[in-house]
Every structure is written in structure tokens, then in C-alpha cells.
Amino acid sequence: MNISDIAKMAGVSPSTVSRYLNNGYVSEEKKRVIRKVIDETGYAPLTSAQNLRNRKMNVIGVIVPKISSESISHIVDGITDRLRDTDYQIFLANTDNNVKKEIEYLELFENNFVDGVILSATDFTAKHRQILKRYNKPVVIASQNVPGFPCVYNDDEEAAYNAVTHLAQQGAGHIAYLGVMEEDLSAGHGRHMGYLRALADAGLEADKNLEKIVDFTIYSGYNGIQELIDSGEKFDGLFCATDNIAIGAINCMRYSGLKVPDDVKTAAVGDSVVSKALFPSLTTVHLYYDEIGRESADMILGFLDGTAKSTRQLKLSSELCVRESSTFMPDAVS
């Protein structure tokens, strides 16, 4: 008889049984069910296993939404770089943008394997907040600003604001927007707010007909701008929430006979490797993802040695990289 057997008989997850046995949070209803099954079966957890969970492991759990993402890989590089000269290793959990998997890994790490957690969430939901409010290990949120929790994040609103302001300064008067879901606090909500604030400060009218919500892919960027072109809406500027979206959009505009930047001045956020190789090279905002990783690792180490404040939040700056897609610069190299 093991935890999985108890969980199956009680109709709950193994992580819920683990939390019950380790005095973690479990609803009263589930406590009663688990207690009844344990009483009926006479199950007793191994003391050695419980001791293993309670001792220091010298491992940091790192939960990321997509390891193949260039920004996420930079964050992980920063974490490993900072931990290289310490006694800590990382346990990397790649959720493939599956929110349910994020929750499962949070619950797994709460009572097993790790001393602390660095979390980069796909979508920071009410369930995330519920778990973290009663979490029994230190957690740092990387690349998202979540009030009330320790975070290291980019100023996504300011990054978008600077990019859109630059487009307006280059003469764009009708600036379209290809963004991602608002539930994404950084790339979605933050960058959308920056776009709208920049339009207002430049004296330009926000037009919902010029806004499209797409996915993070090049393919989605291509389709998003194609829909905008097919709609007949006129635009002479384009801001994309990510470089990949912009790459797809620029390819589509080229095939549709629109010239960049002559007809449509274009900018994005991310400063990916491809943004420099694209023709025309992409005006974009550089975000310091490696630094997010290093600072997140520093913060979690501070929690573990007792020197960090539990609600510390660190906002990083960004840098606008002006290239050919917003202003034709035949000799530009950066």
C-alpha cells in the first residue's frame, strides 16, 4: 500500500495525500475522506520518506512554460549561471504552456525534492494564488509582476510604450496592434497597456478595429496581419507584442505588396536573434531575460539563507533597438 493507492481509493490526487500527510493545506472534505481510507486500511507512511521530504535537498525547482522559447531559455541560463558556484542544482519542469501541469508541479514541489521554487507561469490564475498563499517553501515568480508575491520582471508596459512612441515619432498615425491574450500579465496585458498609453500621449486615437489577438507564433502573426489587410482597415504603423509575431506579419505584408518601413513602420518586443537577421531588420525592445534568471536565483538564495524580504519585487529596465523596419537605415548593423 502506497500514497498512490490511498489517493485512488480516496478519489484525490497523490499530491493531495502527500500534503495531508505532511500537514499541508487540504480542504476539510478531502481530509475526512483521506482519513477514513487510512483508518480503514491501516496505512502508515514510512518515517524515512517523511524525513527525506523535510531535510535540505540543495535543489531549486524551476517551472517554465516552454523551454524552447528563446526568452525562457535565457531565463534558465541566468538561473544556472548564478547557481553554478553554489551547492544548489536545479530540477527543471517544462509544462508546455499547460496551466494544469504548472499546478501539478507546484503541488509536487511543495512536499518533495526541492528547497525552493522559481516559477514562470503561462497564466497566473486564482489557483496559482491559492496554492502560493499557503506554500511551505519560498517561491520567486520570474518574468511576471504579481502583486503580493516576490517577483523579478521586465517593465513590459514601458517597453511597449517606447516602441509605439518611436513609431509615432517616425510619422505613423494609424498604428495597428498584434498582441496576445490579456491573461498573460506581461506579454499580453502589460504590452497592450503600453500601446494604448503611447497612442494617448502621442495624440493618436485608439481604434479597436486595428487590434488583433493572436498566438505567439510566426504563423499566427502572418494570419493576424492578413486578416487586418483583408478587412480594408488602413494603417501605417504596426506594433507586435513579440518578435515572432512581427516576423510573420512582415512576411505577410511583403507578399501583400506592402513595404516595410515605407508603407508600414513596424516594431516589436523581444530582440531575438532572428530580429537582427530579418530583412528589413526589426526595430524591437531588448529585455534582459538573463538578468531575470540571475536575480530570481539571487532572491531564492536570499530566502533560503534568511537575508531576503518575503515581498521583494524587482522591475528591470529595457532598451529600444532602432533598426530598418521603422526607419530605413541601409547601413544599420544594430
Protein backbone atom coordinates (compact mmCIF):
# COMPACT_ATOMS: atom_id res chain seq x y z
CA MET A 1 0.00 0.00 0.00
CA ASN A 2 1.43 3.39 -1.01
CA ILE A 3 0.31 7.01 -1.45
CA SER A 4 -0.98 6.33 -4.97
CA ASP A 5 -3.18 3.51 -3.66
CA ILE A 6 -4.58 5.74 -0.91
CA ALA A 7 -5.19 8.54 -3.43
CA LYS A 8 -7.05 6.22 -5.79
CA MET A 9 -9.27 4.87 -3.03
CA ALA A 10 -10.00 8.39 -1.74
CA GLY A 11 -10.66 9.81 -5.20
CA VAL A 12 -7.97 12.50 -4.87
CA SER A 13 -4.54 13.14 -6.36
CA PRO A 14 -1.34 11.65 -4.83
CA SER A 15 -0.11 15.21 -4.17
CA THR A 16 -3.21 15.86 -2.04
CA VAL A 17 -2.49 12.78 0.06
CA SER A 18 1.15 13.89 0.34
CA ARG A 19 0.06 17.32 1.60
CA TYR A 20 -2.28 15.71 4.11
CA LEU A 21 0.49 13.50 5.47
CA ASN A 22 2.88 16.47 5.69
CA ASN A 23 0.38 18.86 7.32
CA GLY A 24 -0.04 20.94 4.16
CA TYR A 25 -3.29 22.58 3.10
CA VAL A 26 -6.12 20.16 2.24
CA SER A 27 -9.83 21.03 2.30
CA GLU A 28 -11.82 19.67 5.25
CA GLU A 29 -13.91 17.47 2.96
CA LYS A 30 -10.85 15.80 1.43
CA LYS A 31 -9.23 15.44 4.85
CA ARG A 32 -12.21 13.43 6.04
CA VAL A 33 -12.12 11.14 3.00
CA ILE A 34 -8.37 10.54 3.23
CA ARG A 35 -8.50 9.97 6.99
CA LYS A 36 -11.31 7.42 6.52
CA VAL A 37 -9.33 5.47 3.91
CA ILE A 38 -6.19 5.50 6.08
CA ASP A 39 -8.15 4.32 9.11
CA GLU A 40 -9.78 1.52 7.12
CA THR A 41 -6.54 0.31 5.51
CA GLY A 42 -4.19 0.86 8.43
CA TYR A 43 -1.78 2.66 6.10
CA ALA A 44 1.28 4.21 7.77
CA PRO A 45 3.79 6.32 5.78
CA LEU A 46 7.45 5.41 6.02
CA THR A 47 9.18 7.65 8.55
CA SER A 48 12.31 7.66 6.39
CA ALA A 49 10.33 9.01 3.45
CA GLN A 50 8.86 11.79 5.56
CA ASN A 51 12.31 12.70 6.86
CA LEU A 52 13.60 12.82 3.28
CA ARG A 53 10.95 15.40 2.42
CA ASN A 54 11.83 17.56 5.42
CA ARG A 55 15.62 17.70 5.03
CA LYS A 56 17.57 20.14 2.86
CA MET A 57 17.95 18.87 -0.69
CA ASN A 58 20.18 21.60 -2.22
CA VAL A 59 17.83 21.67 -5.22
CA ILE A 60 15.83 24.58 -6.67
CA GLY A 61 12.69 23.67 -8.63
CA VAL A 62 12.31 25.74 -11.81
CA ILE A 63 8.90 25.64 -13.54
CA VAL A 64 8.77 27.12 -17.06
CA PRO A 65 6.04 27.19 -19.73
CA LYS A 66 8.16 26.40 -22.82
CA ILE A 67 11.87 25.64 -22.68
CA SER A 68 12.13 26.05 -26.46
CA SER A 69 11.14 29.72 -26.10
CA GLU A 70 14.17 31.98 -26.59
CA SER A 71 13.21 34.22 -23.67
CA ILE A 72 12.64 31.26 -21.31
CA SER A 73 15.94 29.65 -22.30
CA HIS A 74 17.70 32.92 -21.41
CA ILE A 75 15.98 32.95 -18.01
CA VAL A 76 17.11 29.38 -17.34
CA ASP A 77 20.64 30.29 -18.49
CA GLY A 78 20.66 33.14 -15.97
CA ILE A 79 19.48 30.86 -13.16
CA THR A 80 22.09 28.18 -13.86
CA ASP A 81 24.79 30.83 -14.25
CA ARG A 82 24.02 32.24 -10.81
CA LEU A 83 23.79 28.82 -9.12
CA ARG A 84 26.96 27.49 -10.73
CA ASP A 85 29.21 28.48 -7.81
CA THR A 86 26.77 27.35 -5.11
CA ASP A 87 25.85 23.93 -3.74
CA TYR A 88 22.45 24.08 -5.45
CA GLN A 89 21.28 22.22 -8.55
CA ILE A 90 18.06 22.82 -10.49
CA PHE A 91 15.12 20.50 -11.10
CA LEU A 92 13.65 21.81 -14.38
CA ALA A 93 9.92 21.27 -15.09
CA ASN A 94 8.75 22.17 -18.61
CA THR A 95 4.93 22.46 -18.72
CA ASP A 96 4.49 23.08 -22.47
CA ASN A 97 2.12 26.01 -21.73
CA ASN A 98 -0.21 23.71 -19.78
CA VAL A 99 -1.60 25.54 -16.73
CA LYS A 100 -2.77 22.27 -15.17
CA LYS A 101 0.80 20.94 -15.34
CA GLU A 102 2.07 24.09 -13.61
CA ILE A 103 -0.32 23.46 -10.73
CA GLU A 104 0.72 19.81 -10.53
CA TYR A 105 4.41 20.71 -10.37
CA LEU A 106 3.76 23.34 -7.70
CA GLU A 107 1.97 20.74 -5.61
CA LEU A 108 4.69 18.16 -6.26
CA PHE A 109 7.48 20.53 -5.26
CA GLU A 110 5.65 21.68 -2.14
CA ASN A 111 6.41 18.45 -0.30
CA ASN A 112 9.12 16.81 -2.39
CA PHE A 113 12.56 17.13 -3.91
CA VAL A 114 13.32 20.88 -3.66
CA ASP A 115 14.14 23.62 -1.15
CA GLY A 116 12.57 26.47 -3.13
CA VAL A 117 10.83 27.21 -6.42
CA ILE A 118 11.30 29.69 -9.28
CA LEU A 119 8.06 29.89 -11.28
CA SER A 120 7.48 31.35 -14.73
CA ALA A 121 3.77 30.80 -15.30
CA THR A 122 1.82 30.60 -18.54
CA ASP A 123 -1.20 32.31 -16.93
CA PHE A 124 -1.20 33.31 -13.27
CA THR A 125 -4.62 32.05 -12.20
CA ALA A 126 -6.64 32.14 -8.98
CA LYS A 127 -5.49 28.55 -8.38
CA HIS A 128 -1.85 29.66 -8.55
CA ARG A 129 -2.55 32.34 -5.95
CA GLN A 130 -4.44 29.93 -3.70
CA ILE A 131 -1.55 27.46 -3.67
CA LEU A 132 1.20 30.04 -3.19
CA LYS A 133 -0.56 31.84 -0.33
CA ARG A 134 -0.19 28.72 1.83
CA TYR A 135 3.01 27.39 0.24
CA ASN A 136 5.50 25.99 2.74
CA LYS A 137 8.61 26.79 0.67
CA PRO A 138 10.00 30.04 -0.73
CA VAL A 139 8.85 30.89 -4.26
CA VAL A 140 10.04 33.58 -6.68
CA ILE A 141 7.97 34.48 -9.75
CA ALA A 142 10.14 35.13 -12.80
CA SER A 143 9.10 37.43 -15.66
CA GLN A 144 5.67 38.41 -14.29
CA ASN A 145 4.58 41.15 -11.90
CA VAL A 146 2.14 39.60 -9.44
CA PRO A 147 1.33 41.96 -6.52
CA GLY A 148 1.81 40.42 -3.10
CA PHE A 149 4.39 37.85 -4.22
CA PRO A 150 8.17 38.10 -4.67
CA CYS A 151 8.87 38.76 -8.36
CA VAL A 152 11.58 39.66 -10.85
CA TYR A 153 10.11 41.06 -14.05
CA ASN A 154 10.53 43.30 -17.08
CA ASP A 155 8.63 46.57 -17.36
CA ASP A 156 6.57 45.28 -20.30
CA GLU A 157 4.28 48.29 -20.35
CA GLU A 158 7.24 50.67 -20.63
CA ALA A 159 8.86 48.50 -23.34
CA ALA A 160 5.71 48.66 -25.47
CA TYR A 161 5.26 52.36 -24.72
CA ASN A 162 8.75 53.17 -26.00
CA ALA A 163 8.30 51.10 -29.17
CA VAL A 164 4.94 52.66 -30.07
CA THR A 165 6.14 56.17 -29.20
CA HIS A 166 9.05 55.62 -31.59
CA LEU A 167 6.63 54.61 -34.39
CA ALA A 168 4.59 57.76 -33.80
CA GLN A 169 7.76 59.88 -33.87
CA GLN A 170 8.60 58.33 -37.25
CA GLY A 171 5.30 59.64 -38.62
CA ALA A 172 2.94 56.68 -38.15
CA GLY A 173 -0.54 58.00 -37.42
CA HIS A 174 -2.63 54.80 -37.53
CA ILE A 175 -0.74 52.16 -35.57
CA ALA A 176 -2.15 48.63 -35.56
CA TYR A 177 -1.61 46.12 -32.75
CA LEU A 178 -0.97 42.38 -32.88
CA GLY A 179 -0.98 41.16 -29.29
CA VAL A 180 -1.53 38.05 -27.20
CA MET A 181 -4.18 37.14 -24.63
CA GLU A 182 -4.74 39.64 -21.80
CA GLU A 183 -4.49 36.80 -19.26
CA ASP A 184 -0.75 36.85 -19.90
CA LEU A 185 0.13 39.63 -17.46
CA SER A 186 3.41 40.56 -19.14
CA ALA A 187 3.33 39.95 -22.90
CA GLY A 188 -0.44 40.37 -23.04
CA HIS A 189 -1.85 42.90 -20.58
CA GLY A 190 1.31 44.89 -19.89
CA ARG A 191 2.27 45.44 -23.52
CA HIS A 192 -1.30 46.27 -24.52
CA MET A 193 -1.45 48.93 -21.81
CA GLY A 194 1.85 50.38 -23.05
CA TYR A 195 0.49 50.51 -26.61
CA LEU A 196 -2.66 52.36 -25.53
CA ARG A 197 -0.76 54.80 -23.29
CA ALA A 198 1.69 55.63 -26.08
CA LEU A 199 -1.16 56.34 -28.51
CA ALA A 200 -2.83 58.66 -25.99
CA ASP A 201 0.39 60.56 -25.23
CA ALA A 202 1.08 60.95 -28.97
CA GLY A 203 -2.42 62.35 -29.53
CA LEU A 204 -3.45 59.35 -31.65
CA GLU A 205 -6.84 57.67 -31.47
CA ALA A 206 -7.06 54.06 -30.30
CA ASP A 207 -9.07 52.01 -32.79
CA LYS A 208 -10.32 48.55 -31.79
CA ASN A 209 -10.59 47.67 -35.47
CA LEU A 210 -6.78 47.89 -35.67
CA GLU A 211 -6.23 45.41 -32.83
CA LYS A 212 -5.90 41.64 -33.25
CA ILE A 213 -5.22 39.00 -30.61
CA VAL A 214 -3.01 36.19 -31.92
CA ASP A 215 -0.76 33.41 -30.62
CA PHE A 216 2.98 33.68 -30.03
CA THR A 217 3.94 32.07 -33.34
CA ILE A 218 5.25 33.42 -36.65
CA TYR A 219 2.33 31.68 -38.38
CA SER A 220 -0.17 33.48 -36.16
CA GLY A 221 1.47 36.83 -36.85
CA TYR A 222 1.18 36.16 -40.57
CA ASN A 223 -2.52 35.30 -40.29
CA GLY A 224 -3.26 38.19 -37.93
CA ILE A 225 -1.97 40.87 -40.28
CA GLN A 226 -3.60 39.13 -43.25
CA GLU A 227 -6.96 39.47 -41.50
CA LEU A 228 -6.27 43.13 -40.90
CA ILE A 229 -5.32 43.69 -44.56
CA ASP A 230 -8.40 41.81 -45.76
CA SER A 231 -10.63 43.93 -43.52
CA GLY A 232 -9.70 47.03 -45.50
CA GLU A 233 -8.62 48.97 -42.41
CA LYS A 234 -5.85 51.46 -43.16
CA PHE A 235 -2.71 51.50 -41.02
CA ASP A 236 0.78 52.93 -41.48
CA GLY A 237 2.32 51.56 -38.29
CA LEU A 238 2.34 48.16 -36.59
CA PHE A 239 3.30 47.18 -33.07
CA CYS A 240 3.64 43.47 -32.29
CA ALA A 241 3.79 42.04 -28.77
CA THR A 242 6.67 39.70 -29.73
CA ASP A 243 9.36 39.41 -32.38
CA ASN A 244 7.91 36.15 -33.74
CA ILE A 245 4.57 37.80 -34.36
CA ALA A 246 6.32 40.68 -36.13
CA ILE A 247 8.35 38.31 -38.33
CA GLY A 248 5.19 36.63 -39.56
CA ALA A 249 3.48 39.98 -40.09
CA ILE A 250 6.38 41.42 -42.08
CA ASN A 251 6.49 38.35 -44.33
CA CYS A 252 2.76 38.65 -44.96
CA MET A 253 2.96 42.37 -45.71
CA ARG A 254 5.78 41.74 -48.18
CA TYR A 255 3.67 39.16 -50.05
CA SER A 256 0.71 41.54 -49.98
CA GLY A 257 2.70 44.33 -51.62
CA LEU A 258 3.15 46.50 -48.51
CA LYS A 259 6.66 47.85 -48.00
CA VAL A 260 8.26 47.98 -44.55
CA PRO A 261 9.00 50.64 -43.41
CA ASP A 262 7.83 52.82 -46.34
CA ASP A 263 4.16 51.80 -46.08
CA VAL A 264 4.06 50.31 -42.57
CA LYS A 265 6.59 51.19 -39.88
CA THR A 266 6.92 48.16 -37.62
CA ALA A 267 8.27 47.47 -34.12
CA ALA A 268 8.05 44.68 -31.54
CA VAL A 269 9.40 43.47 -28.19
CA GLY A 270 12.00 40.78 -27.55
CA ASP A 271 15.22 41.46 -29.50
CA SER A 272 15.51 37.81 -30.56
CA VAL A 273 18.46 36.51 -32.57
CA VAL A 274 16.31 36.38 -35.71
CA SER A 275 15.24 40.02 -35.36
CA LYS A 276 18.72 41.15 -36.43
CA ALA A 277 18.88 38.76 -39.42
CA LEU A 278 15.42 39.61 -40.77
CA PHE A 279 15.13 41.85 -43.84
CA PRO A 280 14.39 44.55 -43.07
CA SER A 281 15.98 44.13 -39.64
CA LEU A 282 13.42 44.50 -36.89
CA THR A 283 13.10 47.50 -34.57
CA THR A 284 12.48 45.89 -31.21
CA VAL A 285 12.92 46.31 -27.47
CA HIS A 286 15.66 44.36 -25.73
CA LEU A 287 14.54 42.74 -22.47
CA TYR A 288 17.12 41.43 -20.02
CA TYR A 289 15.90 37.84 -19.59
CA ASP A 290 19.29 36.52 -18.48
CA GLU A 291 19.23 39.11 -15.71
CA ILE A 292 15.74 37.97 -14.67
CA GLY A 293 17.19 34.48 -14.22
CA ARG A 294 20.19 35.69 -12.22
CA GLU A 295 18.13 38.00 -10.00
CA SER A 296 15.49 35.29 -9.41
CA ALA A 297 18.22 32.88 -8.33
CA ASP A 298 19.73 35.54 -6.03
CA MET A 299 16.33 36.16 -4.48
CA ILE A 300 15.56 32.48 -3.85
CA LEU A 301 19.02 32.02 -2.31
CA GLY A 302 18.30 35.00 -0.09
CA PHE A 303 15.07 33.42 1.11
CA LEU A 304 16.85 30.16 1.85
CA ASP A 305 19.58 31.82 3.91
CA GLY A 306 17.16 34.26 5.57
CA THR A 307 18.53 37.51 4.10
CA ALA A 308 15.78 38.36 1.57
CA LYS A 309 12.46 40.12 2.20
CA SER A 310 9.42 37.94 1.51
CA THR A 311 7.57 40.53 -0.62
CA ARG A 312 10.52 41.94 -2.58
CA GLN A 313 9.70 42.87 -6.17
CA LEU A 314 12.34 43.85 -8.73
CA LYS A 315 11.48 45.60 -12.00
CA LEU A 316 14.14 45.62 -14.74
CA SER A 317 14.66 48.21 -17.46
CA SER A 318 14.70 47.68 -21.24
CA GLU A 319 16.38 49.16 -24.32
CA LEU A 320 14.85 50.20 -27.65
CA CYS A 321 16.89 48.90 -30.60
CA VAL A 322 16.07 51.01 -33.68
CA ARG A 323 16.58 49.14 -36.94
CA GLU A 324 15.33 49.16 -40.52
CA SER A 325 11.69 48.12 -40.03
CA SER A 326 10.73 51.51 -38.58
CA THR A 327 13.14 53.85 -40.31
CA PHE A 328 15.14 52.85 -43.37
CA MET A 329 18.81 52.66 -42.39
CA PRO A 330 20.76 50.91 -45.18
CA ASP A 331 23.99 50.89 -43.16
CA ALA A 332 22.41 49.87 -39.84
CA VAL A 333 24.02 46.93 -38.07
CA SER A 334 22.35 47.03 -34.65
